[in-house]
Amino acid sequence: MRGLIVDWGGVLTFGVFGAFDAFCAAEGLPPGSIATAFRTEPARSLLAGFECGTIPPAEFEASLAAHHGVDSDDLLSRLFAGGADTLDNAMHDAVERFRAAGVRTALLSNSWGPERYDRSRWDAMFDAVVLSCDHAVRKPDPAIYEIVLREIGLPASECVFVDDIGGNLKPARALGMTTVRHTDAASTIEQLTEIFNVTVTQ
């Protein structure tokens, strides 16, 4: 194995779904309303268009607000206010150290807008960055996995993909990647240490 590809939200940051639940509580919505809506129409198509960059943020906010009967003002910031932007520094450190040890690294993320990322450490962490909004395609479409493989310059059989959503791991496995379902930093780092035979903890 020579390549490590990682997701952003829920892997390099703490869980997005917890932030969605906090939003529901703050807005008086039933628990799980946001996450459930994104799995069904019309919110599923709305999210797909937003992540692919074909639906602008203001339209996404207005449509999602109308769907749930809430105020659209600054909706994205309110959705993320429950900690979805909080960095998992242990995972950031690990990716940086794997790269320093000679592993090629890439970020593969379904984007909620290019401005929502803290890029302060990216130069040290990644050889390649693939955001859905830049390519008009998102996970789990196999095309975006093929894009990141081209960008990282390695075949699927030599790459490991880490994501917190099981459905996003299936296309990676189908292409020949080794996959790791992220639940917490300690478990993921332990698995990657075994796969790459590289110790990154201090």
N, C-alpha and C. Protein backbone atom coordinates (compact mmCIF):
# COMPACT_ATOMS: atom_id res chain seq x y z
N MET A 1 0.83 -1.19 0.00
CA MET A 1 0.00 0.00 0.00
C MET A 1 0.87 1.25 0.00
N ARG A 2 0.55 2.17 -0.91
CA ARG A 2 1.36 3.38 -1.01
C ARG A 2 0.53 4.65 -0.95
N GLY A 3 -0.82 4.54 -0.95
CA GLY A 3 -1.65 5.73 -0.97
C GLY A 3 -2.72 5.72 0.09
N LEU A 4 -2.97 6.89 0.69
CA LEU A 4 -4.00 7.05 1.71
C LEU A 4 -4.94 8.17 1.26
N ILE A 5 -6.22 7.84 1.09
CA ILE A 5 -7.24 8.81 0.68
C ILE A 5 -8.24 8.93 1.81
N VAL A 6 -8.50 10.15 2.25
CA VAL A 6 -9.37 10.35 3.41
C VAL A 6 -10.50 11.33 3.10
N ASP A 7 -11.62 11.11 3.76
CA ASP A 7 -12.76 12.01 3.73
C ASP A 7 -12.50 13.18 4.68
N TRP A 8 -13.30 14.22 4.56
CA TRP A 8 -13.17 15.39 5.45
C TRP A 8 -14.19 15.33 6.59
N GLY A 9 -15.45 15.64 6.31
CA GLY A 9 -16.45 15.72 7.37
C GLY A 9 -16.72 14.38 8.02
N GLY A 10 -16.52 14.30 9.32
CA GLY A 10 -16.73 13.06 10.05
C GLY A 10 -15.48 12.21 10.17
N VAL A 11 -14.40 12.59 9.45
CA VAL A 11 -13.12 11.89 9.56
C VAL A 11 -12.04 12.86 10.05
N LEU A 12 -11.83 13.92 9.32
CA LEU A 12 -10.88 14.95 9.74
C LEU A 12 -11.54 16.03 10.58
N THR A 13 -12.87 16.00 10.62
CA THR A 13 -13.62 16.80 11.58
C THR A 13 -14.51 15.85 12.38
N PHE A 14 -15.05 16.36 13.47
CA PHE A 14 -15.97 15.54 14.26
C PHE A 14 -17.33 15.49 13.59
N GLY A 15 -18.18 14.57 14.01
CA GLY A 15 -19.36 14.16 13.28
C GLY A 15 -20.30 15.26 12.84
N VAL A 16 -20.61 15.25 11.57
CA VAL A 16 -21.60 16.16 11.00
C VAL A 16 -23.00 15.83 11.53
N PHE A 17 -23.29 14.56 11.72
CA PHE A 17 -24.64 14.16 12.10
C PHE A 17 -25.00 14.65 13.50
N GLY A 18 -24.01 14.75 14.37
CA GLY A 18 -24.26 15.33 15.69
C GLY A 18 -24.65 16.80 15.59
N ALA A 19 -24.01 17.50 14.66
CA ALA A 19 -24.36 18.91 14.44
C ALA A 19 -25.77 19.03 13.89
N PHE A 20 -26.15 18.11 12.99
CA PHE A 20 -27.51 18.13 12.46
C PHE A 20 -28.53 17.92 13.59
N ASP A 21 -28.22 17.01 14.50
CA ASP A 21 -29.14 16.76 15.62
C ASP A 21 -29.23 17.99 16.52
N ALA A 22 -28.11 18.68 16.73
CA ALA A 22 -28.12 19.90 17.53
C ALA A 22 -28.98 20.97 16.86
N PHE A 23 -28.89 21.05 15.54
CA PHE A 23 -29.70 21.99 14.78
C PHE A 23 -31.19 21.66 14.96
N CYS A 24 -31.55 20.40 14.85
CA CYS A 24 -32.94 19.99 15.03
C CYS A 24 -33.45 20.40 16.40
N ALA A 25 -32.64 20.17 17.42
CA ALA A 25 -33.05 20.53 18.78
C ALA A 25 -33.25 22.03 18.91
N ALA A 26 -32.34 22.81 18.32
CA ALA A 26 -32.42 24.27 18.42
C ALA A 26 -33.61 24.83 17.66
N GLU A 27 -33.98 24.16 16.56
CA GLU A 27 -35.05 24.66 15.69
C GLU A 27 -36.41 24.05 16.01
N GLY A 28 -36.47 23.16 16.99
CA GLY A 28 -37.73 22.53 17.35
C GLY A 28 -38.19 21.48 16.37
N LEU A 29 -37.25 20.88 15.64
CA LEU A 29 -37.58 19.83 14.69
C LEU A 29 -37.43 18.46 15.35
N PRO A 30 -38.15 17.45 14.88
CA PRO A 30 -37.98 16.10 15.44
C PRO A 30 -36.53 15.63 15.28
N PRO A 31 -36.01 14.89 16.24
CA PRO A 31 -34.63 14.39 16.14
C PRO A 31 -34.42 13.61 14.85
N GLY A 32 -33.29 13.86 14.20
CA GLY A 32 -32.95 13.13 12.99
C GLY A 32 -33.60 13.66 11.72
N SER A 33 -34.35 14.75 11.81
CA SER A 33 -35.10 15.24 10.65
C SER A 33 -34.20 15.59 9.48
N ILE A 34 -33.07 16.25 9.74
CA ILE A 34 -32.20 16.69 8.66
C ILE A 34 -31.56 15.48 7.98
N ALA A 35 -30.97 14.59 8.77
CA ALA A 35 -30.31 13.42 8.19
C ALA A 35 -31.30 12.56 7.41
N THR A 36 -32.51 12.39 7.95
CA THR A 36 -33.52 11.58 7.27
C THR A 36 -33.93 12.23 5.95
N ALA A 37 -34.09 13.54 5.96
CA ALA A 37 -34.51 14.25 4.75
C ALA A 37 -33.50 14.08 3.63
N PHE A 38 -32.21 14.09 3.96
CA PHE A 38 -31.17 13.97 2.94
C PHE A 38 -31.11 12.58 2.32
N ARG A 39 -31.82 11.63 2.91
CA ARG A 39 -31.87 10.28 2.34
C ARG A 39 -33.09 10.07 1.46
N THR A 40 -33.98 11.07 1.39
CA THR A 40 -35.22 10.95 0.63
C THR A 40 -35.42 12.20 -0.23
N GLU A 41 -36.27 12.06 -1.23
CA GLU A 41 -36.58 13.21 -2.09
C GLU A 41 -37.60 14.14 -1.41
N PRO A 42 -37.52 15.46 -1.68
CA PRO A 42 -36.64 16.12 -2.64
C PRO A 42 -35.30 16.56 -2.09
N ALA A 43 -35.11 16.41 -0.76
CA ALA A 43 -33.88 16.92 -0.16
C ALA A 43 -32.64 16.18 -0.66
N ARG A 44 -32.80 14.91 -1.02
CA ARG A 44 -31.64 14.14 -1.50
C ARG A 44 -31.08 14.76 -2.78
N SER A 45 -31.95 15.09 -3.72
CA SER A 45 -31.49 15.73 -4.96
C SER A 45 -30.96 17.14 -4.70
N LEU A 46 -31.57 17.82 -3.76
CA LEU A 46 -31.08 19.15 -3.39
C LEU A 46 -29.65 19.07 -2.86
N LEU A 47 -29.40 18.12 -1.99
CA LEU A 47 -28.06 17.95 -1.44
C LEU A 47 -27.07 17.56 -2.53
N ALA A 48 -27.48 16.65 -3.42
CA ALA A 48 -26.59 16.22 -4.50
C ALA A 48 -26.18 17.40 -5.36
N GLY A 49 -27.14 18.24 -5.72
CA GLY A 49 -26.82 19.40 -6.54
C GLY A 49 -25.93 20.38 -5.82
N PHE A 50 -26.16 20.57 -4.54
CA PHE A 50 -25.34 21.49 -3.76
C PHE A 50 -23.90 20.97 -3.66
N GLU A 51 -23.75 19.68 -3.35
CA GLU A 51 -22.41 19.12 -3.21
C GLU A 51 -21.65 19.10 -4.53
N CYS A 52 -22.38 19.00 -5.63
CA CYS A 52 -21.73 19.00 -6.95
C CYS A 52 -21.48 20.41 -7.47
N GLY A 53 -21.95 21.42 -6.75
CA GLY A 53 -21.71 22.79 -7.15
C GLY A 53 -22.66 23.33 -8.17
N THR A 54 -23.75 22.59 -8.48
CA THR A 54 -24.72 23.06 -9.48
C THR A 54 -25.87 23.84 -8.84
N ILE A 55 -26.04 23.73 -7.53
CA ILE A 55 -27.02 24.51 -6.79
C ILE A 55 -26.27 25.47 -5.86
N PRO A 56 -26.45 26.78 -6.02
CA PRO A 56 -25.71 27.73 -5.19
C PRO A 56 -26.17 27.70 -3.74
N PRO A 57 -25.32 28.15 -2.82
CA PRO A 57 -25.66 28.09 -1.39
C PRO A 57 -26.98 28.75 -1.03
N ALA A 58 -27.25 29.92 -1.60
CA ALA A 58 -28.50 30.63 -1.24
C ALA A 58 -29.73 29.82 -1.64
N GLU A 59 -29.67 29.18 -2.80
CA GLU A 59 -30.80 28.36 -3.24
C GLU A 59 -30.94 27.12 -2.36
N PHE A 60 -29.83 26.52 -1.99
CA PHE A 60 -29.85 25.36 -1.10
C PHE A 60 -30.48 25.74 0.24
N GLU A 61 -30.03 26.86 0.80
CA GLU A 61 -30.56 27.29 2.10
C GLU A 61 -32.06 27.56 2.02
N ALA A 62 -32.49 28.26 0.96
CA ALA A 62 -33.91 28.60 0.83
C ALA A 62 -34.76 27.35 0.67
N SER A 63 -34.32 26.42 -0.17
CA SER A 63 -35.10 25.20 -0.42
C SER A 63 -35.15 24.30 0.80
N LEU A 64 -34.01 24.15 1.48
CA LEU A 64 -33.98 23.29 2.67
C LEU A 64 -34.82 23.91 3.79
N ALA A 65 -34.75 25.23 3.94
CA ALA A 65 -35.54 25.91 4.96
C ALA A 65 -37.03 25.74 4.70
N ALA A 66 -37.42 25.88 3.43
CA ALA A 66 -38.84 25.72 3.09
C ALA A 66 -39.31 24.29 3.36
N HIS A 67 -38.45 23.32 3.09
CA HIS A 67 -38.79 21.91 3.30
C HIS A 67 -39.06 21.63 4.78
N HIS A 68 -38.31 22.31 5.67
CA HIS A 68 -38.43 22.03 7.11
C HIS A 68 -39.21 23.11 7.85
N GLY A 69 -39.62 24.17 7.15
CA GLY A 69 -40.38 25.22 7.80
C GLY A 69 -39.57 26.04 8.79
N VAL A 70 -38.29 26.30 8.46
CA VAL A 70 -37.44 27.10 9.34
C VAL A 70 -36.93 28.32 8.57
N ASP A 71 -36.30 29.24 9.28
CA ASP A 71 -35.75 30.45 8.67
C ASP A 71 -34.54 30.09 7.82
N SER A 72 -34.44 30.67 6.63
CA SER A 72 -33.33 30.37 5.74
C SER A 72 -32.08 31.20 6.03
N ASP A 73 -32.22 32.24 6.85
CA ASP A 73 -31.10 33.16 7.09
C ASP A 73 -29.92 32.45 7.73
N ASP A 74 -28.78 32.48 7.04
CA ASP A 74 -27.53 31.90 7.55
C ASP A 74 -27.72 30.42 7.93
N LEU A 75 -28.51 29.71 7.14
CA LEU A 75 -28.87 28.34 7.49
C LEU A 75 -27.65 27.42 7.55
N LEU A 76 -26.73 27.56 6.62
CA LEU A 76 -25.56 26.68 6.61
C LEU A 76 -24.74 26.83 7.89
N SER A 77 -24.53 28.04 8.31
CA SER A 77 -23.78 28.26 9.55
C SER A 77 -24.51 27.68 10.74
N ARG A 78 -25.83 27.79 10.75
CA ARG A 78 -26.61 27.22 11.84
C ARG A 78 -26.55 25.70 11.82
N LEU A 79 -26.56 25.11 10.64
CA LEU A 79 -26.44 23.65 10.54
C LEU A 79 -25.11 23.15 11.10
N PHE A 80 -24.05 23.92 10.90
CA PHE A 80 -22.73 23.49 11.33
C PHE A 80 -22.36 23.97 12.73
N ALA A 81 -23.22 24.76 13.36
CA ALA A 81 -22.88 25.37 14.64
C ALA A 81 -22.68 24.35 15.76
N GLY A 82 -23.22 23.15 15.59
CA GLY A 82 -23.10 22.13 16.63
C GLY A 82 -21.79 21.38 16.63
N GLY A 83 -20.78 21.90 15.95
CA GLY A 83 -19.45 21.30 16.02
C GLY A 83 -18.98 20.59 14.78
N ALA A 84 -19.73 20.70 13.67
CA ALA A 84 -19.35 19.97 12.46
C ALA A 84 -18.04 20.46 11.85
N ASP A 85 -17.64 21.70 12.18
CA ASP A 85 -16.39 22.24 11.66
C ASP A 85 -15.21 22.01 12.59
N THR A 86 -15.43 21.35 13.72
CA THR A 86 -14.37 21.15 14.70
C THR A 86 -13.37 20.11 14.19
N LEU A 87 -12.10 20.51 14.09
CA LEU A 87 -11.08 19.62 13.55
C LEU A 87 -10.72 18.52 14.53
N ASP A 88 -10.51 17.32 14.00
CA ASP A 88 -9.96 16.22 14.79
C ASP A 88 -8.45 16.25 14.60
N ASN A 89 -7.77 16.90 15.53
CA ASN A 89 -6.34 17.12 15.37
C ASN A 89 -5.54 15.83 15.36
N ALA A 90 -6.03 14.81 16.03
CA ALA A 90 -5.32 13.52 16.02
C ALA A 90 -5.28 12.95 14.61
N MET A 91 -6.39 13.06 13.88
CA MET A 91 -6.42 12.58 12.51
C MET A 91 -5.57 13.45 11.59
N HIS A 92 -5.61 14.76 11.79
CA HIS A 92 -4.76 15.64 11.00
C HIS A 92 -3.28 15.29 11.21
N ASP A 93 -2.90 15.09 12.46
CA ASP A 93 -1.51 14.74 12.76
C ASP A 93 -1.13 13.43 12.09
N ALA A 94 -2.02 12.45 12.14
CA ALA A 94 -1.73 11.14 11.57
C ALA A 94 -1.51 11.22 10.07
N VAL A 95 -2.41 11.91 9.37
CA VAL A 95 -2.27 12.03 7.91
C VAL A 95 -0.95 12.72 7.57
N GLU A 96 -0.63 13.76 8.28
CA GLU A 96 0.63 14.48 8.03
C GLU A 96 1.83 13.57 8.24
N ARG A 97 1.78 12.75 9.27
CA ARG A 97 2.92 11.87 9.57
C ARG A 97 3.01 10.71 8.59
N PHE A 98 1.85 10.19 8.15
CA PHE A 98 1.92 9.16 7.10
C PHE A 98 2.57 9.72 5.85
N ARG A 99 2.21 10.93 5.49
CA ARG A 99 2.81 11.55 4.30
C ARG A 99 4.30 11.77 4.50
N ALA A 100 4.69 12.23 5.68
CA ALA A 100 6.11 12.44 5.96
C ALA A 100 6.90 11.14 5.90
N ALA A 101 6.20 10.01 6.16
CA ALA A 101 6.83 8.70 6.12
C ALA A 101 6.90 8.12 4.72
N GLY A 102 6.36 8.84 3.74
CA GLY A 102 6.45 8.39 2.35
C GLY A 102 5.17 7.89 1.73
N VAL A 103 4.06 7.91 2.47
CA VAL A 103 2.76 7.51 1.93
C VAL A 103 2.19 8.69 1.14
N ARG A 104 1.71 8.44 -0.09
CA ARG A 104 1.04 9.50 -0.84
C ARG A 104 -0.37 9.68 -0.28
N THR A 105 -0.81 10.92 -0.13
CA THR A 105 -2.06 11.19 0.56
C THR A 105 -2.96 12.10 -0.29
N ALA A 106 -4.27 11.91 -0.12
CA ALA A 106 -5.24 12.74 -0.85
C ALA A 106 -6.48 12.93 0.01
N LEU A 107 -7.12 14.08 -0.20
CA LEU A 107 -8.42 14.37 0.40
C LEU A 107 -9.49 14.15 -0.66
N LEU A 108 -10.56 13.44 -0.30
CA LEU A 108 -11.71 13.24 -1.19
C LEU A 108 -12.96 13.60 -0.40
N SER A 109 -13.59 14.72 -0.78
CA SER A 109 -14.68 15.25 0.05
C SER A 109 -15.87 15.68 -0.78
N ASN A 110 -17.07 15.32 -0.30
CA ASN A 110 -18.30 15.90 -0.82
C ASN A 110 -18.45 17.27 -0.17
N SER A 111 -18.28 18.30 -0.97
CA SER A 111 -18.13 19.66 -0.46
C SER A 111 -19.46 20.35 -0.19
N TRP A 112 -19.50 21.10 0.91
CA TRP A 112 -20.59 22.02 1.20
C TRP A 112 -20.13 23.45 0.94
N GLY A 113 -19.29 23.60 -0.05
CA GLY A 113 -18.75 24.91 -0.41
C GLY A 113 -17.28 24.97 -0.07
N PRO A 114 -16.46 25.47 -0.99
CA PRO A 114 -15.00 25.47 -0.77
C PRO A 114 -14.56 26.31 0.41
N GLU A 115 -15.39 27.24 0.85
CA GLU A 115 -15.00 28.10 1.96
C GLU A 115 -15.20 27.44 3.33
N ARG A 116 -15.82 26.26 3.36
CA ARG A 116 -16.12 25.64 4.65
C ARG A 116 -14.94 24.81 5.19
N TYR A 117 -13.83 24.78 4.48
CA TYR A 117 -12.69 23.98 4.92
C TYR A 117 -11.63 24.84 5.62
N ASP A 118 -11.07 24.30 6.66
CA ASP A 118 -9.87 24.88 7.26
C ASP A 118 -8.67 24.27 6.54
N ARG A 119 -8.04 25.05 5.66
CA ARG A 119 -6.96 24.56 4.80
C ARG A 119 -5.57 24.83 5.37
N SER A 120 -5.51 25.25 6.62
CA SER A 120 -4.25 25.74 7.17
C SER A 120 -3.13 24.69 7.18
N ARG A 121 -3.48 23.41 7.18
CA ARG A 121 -2.45 22.36 7.24
C ARG A 121 -2.36 21.54 5.96
N TRP A 122 -3.13 21.90 4.95
CA TRP A 122 -3.23 21.06 3.76
C TRP A 122 -1.91 20.88 3.03
N ASP A 123 -1.09 21.91 2.98
CA ASP A 123 0.19 21.79 2.26
C ASP A 123 1.05 20.68 2.85
N ALA A 124 0.97 20.49 4.15
CA ALA A 124 1.76 19.45 4.80
C ALA A 124 1.07 18.10 4.80
N MET A 125 -0.25 18.09 4.53
CA MET A 125 -1.02 16.86 4.68
C MET A 125 -1.26 16.12 3.36
N PHE A 126 -1.43 16.85 2.25
CA PHE A 126 -1.96 16.20 1.05
C PHE A 126 -1.10 16.41 -0.19
N ASP A 127 -1.01 15.33 -0.97
CA ASP A 127 -0.43 15.42 -2.32
C ASP A 127 -1.49 15.82 -3.33
N ALA A 128 -2.75 15.54 -3.03
CA ALA A 128 -3.85 15.86 -3.94
C ALA A 128 -5.10 16.16 -3.14
N VAL A 129 -5.94 17.04 -3.69
CA VAL A 129 -7.22 17.39 -3.06
C VAL A 129 -8.31 17.32 -4.14
N VAL A 130 -9.34 16.54 -3.88
CA VAL A 130 -10.47 16.41 -4.81
C VAL A 130 -11.75 16.74 -4.05
N LEU A 131 -12.38 17.87 -4.43
CA LEU A 131 -13.63 18.30 -3.83
C LEU A 131 -14.75 18.14 -4.85
N SER A 132 -15.88 17.66 -4.41
CA SER A 132 -16.99 17.39 -5.33
C SER A 132 -17.42 18.65 -6.09
N CYS A 133 -17.36 19.80 -5.45
CA CYS A 133 -17.82 21.03 -6.09
C CYS A 133 -16.93 21.45 -7.25
N ASP A 134 -15.69 20.96 -7.27
CA ASP A 134 -14.75 21.31 -8.35
C ASP A 134 -14.90 20.40 -9.57
N HIS A 135 -15.59 19.27 -9.41
CA HIS A 135 -15.67 18.28 -10.48
C HIS A 135 -17.10 17.93 -10.89
N ALA A 136 -18.08 18.57 -10.24
CA ALA A 136 -19.51 18.33 -10.54
C ALA A 136 -19.89 16.86 -10.42
N VAL A 137 -19.26 16.16 -9.50
CA VAL A 137 -19.58 14.76 -9.21
C VAL A 137 -19.23 14.52 -7.75
N ARG A 138 -19.94 13.61 -7.11
CA ARG A 138 -19.73 13.39 -5.67
C ARG A 138 -19.75 11.90 -5.36
N LYS A 139 -19.23 11.55 -4.19
CA LYS A 139 -19.38 10.20 -3.69
C LYS A 139 -20.87 9.93 -3.48
N PRO A 140 -21.34 8.75 -3.79
CA PRO A 140 -20.63 7.51 -4.14
C PRO A 140 -20.49 7.23 -5.63
N ASP A 141 -20.57 8.24 -6.48
CA ASP A 141 -20.37 8.03 -7.92
C ASP A 141 -18.94 7.54 -8.16
N PRO A 142 -18.75 6.39 -8.81
CA PRO A 142 -17.40 5.87 -9.03
C PRO A 142 -16.48 6.85 -9.75
N ALA A 143 -17.05 7.77 -10.51
CA ALA A 143 -16.22 8.70 -11.28
C ALA A 143 -15.32 9.54 -10.40
N ILE A 144 -15.79 9.93 -9.20
CA ILE A 144 -14.97 10.79 -8.36
C ILE A 144 -13.81 10.01 -7.72
N TYR A 145 -14.00 8.71 -7.53
CA TYR A 145 -12.91 7.88 -7.02
C TYR A 145 -11.83 7.72 -8.10
N GLU A 146 -12.27 7.61 -9.33
CA GLU A 146 -11.31 7.52 -10.43
C GLU A 146 -10.53 8.81 -10.59
N ILE A 147 -11.19 9.94 -10.33
CA ILE A 147 -10.50 11.23 -10.38
C ILE A 147 -9.41 11.30 -9.31
N VAL A 148 -9.73 10.90 -8.09
CA VAL A 148 -8.73 11.02 -7.03
C VAL A 148 -7.57 10.05 -7.25
N LEU A 149 -7.85 8.90 -7.85
CA LEU A 149 -6.76 7.97 -8.16
C LEU A 149 -5.82 8.58 -9.20
N ARG A 150 -6.38 9.24 -10.20
CA ARG A 150 -5.53 9.92 -11.18
C ARG A 150 -4.70 11.02 -10.52
N GLU A 151 -5.34 11.76 -9.62
CA GLU A 151 -4.65 12.87 -8.97
C GLU A 151 -3.53 12.39 -8.05
N ILE A 152 -3.76 11.29 -7.38
CA ILE A 152 -2.73 10.78 -6.46
C ILE A 152 -1.67 9.97 -7.20
N GLY A 153 -2.00 9.54 -8.42
CA GLY A 153 -1.03 8.86 -9.27
C GLY A 153 -0.73 7.43 -8.88
N LEU A 154 -1.75 6.73 -8.35
CA LEU A 154 -1.56 5.35 -7.91
C LEU A 154 -2.76 4.51 -8.34
N PRO A 155 -2.56 3.21 -8.55
CA PRO A 155 -3.70 2.33 -8.84
C PRO A 155 -4.53 2.08 -7.58
N ALA A 156 -5.77 1.72 -7.77
CA ALA A 156 -6.67 1.47 -6.64
C ALA A 156 -6.12 0.41 -5.71
N SER A 157 -5.46 -0.60 -6.26
CA SER A 157 -4.96 -1.71 -5.46
C SER A 157 -3.89 -1.30 -4.46
N GLU A 158 -3.33 -0.10 -4.64
CA GLU A 158 -2.27 0.37 -3.74
C GLU A 158 -2.76 1.47 -2.81
N CYS A 159 -4.09 1.67 -2.76
CA CYS A 159 -4.64 2.78 -1.98
C CYS A 159 -5.60 2.30 -0.91
N VAL A 160 -5.63 3.05 0.18
CA VAL A 160 -6.58 2.84 1.27
C VAL A 160 -7.49 4.07 1.33
N PHE A 161 -8.80 3.82 1.44
CA PHE A 161 -9.76 4.92 1.53
C PHE A 161 -10.46 4.87 2.88
N VAL A 162 -10.52 6.03 3.55
CA VAL A 162 -11.14 6.14 4.87
C VAL A 162 -12.35 7.07 4.78
N ASP A 163 -13.50 6.58 5.23
CA ASP A 163 -14.73 7.38 5.25
C ASP A 163 -15.58 6.91 6.42
N ASP A 164 -16.41 7.80 6.92
CA ASP A 164 -17.29 7.42 8.04
C ASP A 164 -18.64 6.89 7.58
N ILE A 165 -18.92 6.96 6.27
CA ILE A 165 -20.20 6.50 5.73
C ILE A 165 -19.98 5.24 4.91
N GLY A 166 -20.63 4.17 5.31
CA GLY A 166 -20.42 2.88 4.66
C GLY A 166 -20.72 2.90 3.18
N GLY A 167 -21.77 3.62 2.77
CA GLY A 167 -22.13 3.67 1.36
C GLY A 167 -21.07 4.30 0.49
N ASN A 168 -20.22 5.15 1.07
CA ASN A 168 -19.13 5.76 0.32
C ASN A 168 -17.92 4.83 0.18
N LEU A 169 -17.88 3.78 0.99
CA LEU A 169 -16.77 2.83 0.92
C LEU A 169 -16.99 1.78 -0.17
N LYS A 170 -18.24 1.48 -0.48
CA LYS A 170 -18.53 0.40 -1.43
C LYS A 170 -17.91 0.63 -2.81
N PRO A 171 -18.05 1.81 -3.42
CA PRO A 171 -17.43 2.02 -4.73
C PRO A 171 -15.92 1.91 -4.69
N ALA A 172 -15.33 2.36 -3.58
CA ALA A 172 -13.87 2.26 -3.45
C ALA A 172 -13.43 0.80 -3.44
N ARG A 173 -14.16 -0.04 -2.71
CA ARG A 173 -13.84 -1.47 -2.68
C ARG A 173 -14.03 -2.09 -4.05
N ALA A 174 -15.09 -1.67 -4.75
CA ALA A 174 -15.36 -2.22 -6.08
C ALA A 174 -14.24 -1.89 -7.06
N LEU A 175 -13.60 -0.76 -6.85
CA LEU A 175 -12.47 -0.38 -7.71
C LEU A 175 -11.17 -1.06 -7.31
N GLY A 176 -11.16 -1.69 -6.14
CA GLY A 176 -9.97 -2.41 -5.70
C GLY A 176 -9.23 -1.80 -4.53
N MET A 177 -9.79 -0.75 -3.94
CA MET A 177 -9.13 -0.13 -2.79
C MET A 177 -9.40 -0.93 -1.52
N THR A 178 -8.47 -0.82 -0.58
CA THR A 178 -8.72 -1.27 0.79
C THR A 178 -9.48 -0.15 1.49
N THR A 179 -10.47 -0.48 2.30
CA THR A 179 -11.29 0.55 2.93
C THR A 179 -11.26 0.42 4.45
N VAL A 180 -11.41 1.57 5.11
CA VAL A 180 -11.49 1.64 6.56
C VAL A 180 -12.71 2.49 6.92
N ARG A 181 -13.64 1.93 7.68
CA ARG A 181 -14.81 2.68 8.16
C ARG A 181 -14.40 3.43 9.44
N HIS A 182 -14.41 4.75 9.35
CA HIS A 182 -13.95 5.57 10.47
C HIS A 182 -15.03 5.70 11.52
N THR A 183 -14.67 5.42 12.76
CA THR A 183 -15.55 5.68 13.89
C THR A 183 -14.89 6.64 14.88
N ASP A 184 -13.58 6.50 15.05
CA ASP A 184 -12.84 7.41 15.92
C ASP A 184 -11.37 7.36 15.52
N ALA A 185 -10.63 8.37 15.93
CA ALA A 185 -9.24 8.50 15.51
C ALA A 185 -8.38 7.32 15.96
N ALA A 186 -8.53 6.91 17.19
CA ALA A 186 -7.67 5.85 17.71
C ALA A 186 -7.81 4.56 16.91
N SER A 187 -9.05 4.17 16.62
CA SER A 187 -9.29 2.93 15.87
C SER A 187 -8.76 3.04 14.44
N THR A 188 -9.04 4.17 13.78
CA THR A 188 -8.60 4.34 12.40
C THR A 188 -7.08 4.36 12.31
N ILE A 189 -6.43 5.08 13.20
CA ILE A 189 -4.97 5.16 13.18
C ILE A 189 -4.35 3.79 13.43
N GLU A 190 -4.94 3.03 14.34
CA GLU A 190 -4.44 1.67 14.61
C GLU A 190 -4.53 0.80 13.36
N GLN A 191 -5.66 0.87 12.65
CA GLN A 191 -5.82 0.07 11.44
C GLN A 191 -4.85 0.51 10.34
N LEU A 192 -4.68 1.82 10.18
CA LEU A 192 -3.77 2.32 9.15
C LEU A 192 -2.32 2.00 9.47
N THR A 193 -1.98 2.02 10.75
CA THR A 193 -0.63 1.66 11.17
C THR A 193 -0.31 0.23 10.76
N GLU A 194 -1.27 -0.67 10.93
CA GLU A 194 -1.08 -2.06 10.53
C GLU A 194 -1.00 -2.21 9.02
N ILE A 195 -1.86 -1.50 8.30
CA ILE A 195 -1.90 -1.62 6.84
C ILE A 195 -0.60 -1.13 6.21
N PHE A 196 -0.13 0.04 6.66
CA PHE A 196 1.06 0.64 6.05
C PHE A 196 2.36 0.24 6.75
N ASN A 197 2.23 -0.42 7.91
CA ASN A 197 3.40 -0.78 8.70
C ASN A 197 4.25 0.46 9.01
N VAL A 198 3.55 1.53 9.36
CA VAL A 198 4.18 2.79 9.71
C VAL A 198 3.57 3.27 11.03
N THR A 199 4.39 3.60 12.00
CA THR A 199 3.92 4.12 13.28
C THR A 199 3.89 5.64 13.23
N VAL A 200 2.74 6.23 13.50
CA VAL A 200 2.61 7.68 13.38
C VAL A 200 2.28 8.36 14.70
N THR A 201 2.01 7.59 15.76
CA THR A 201 1.69 8.19 17.05
C THR A 201 2.97 8.57 17.77
N GLN A 202 2.83 9.53 18.67
CA GLN A 202 3.98 9.96 19.46
C GLN A 202 3.69 9.76 20.94
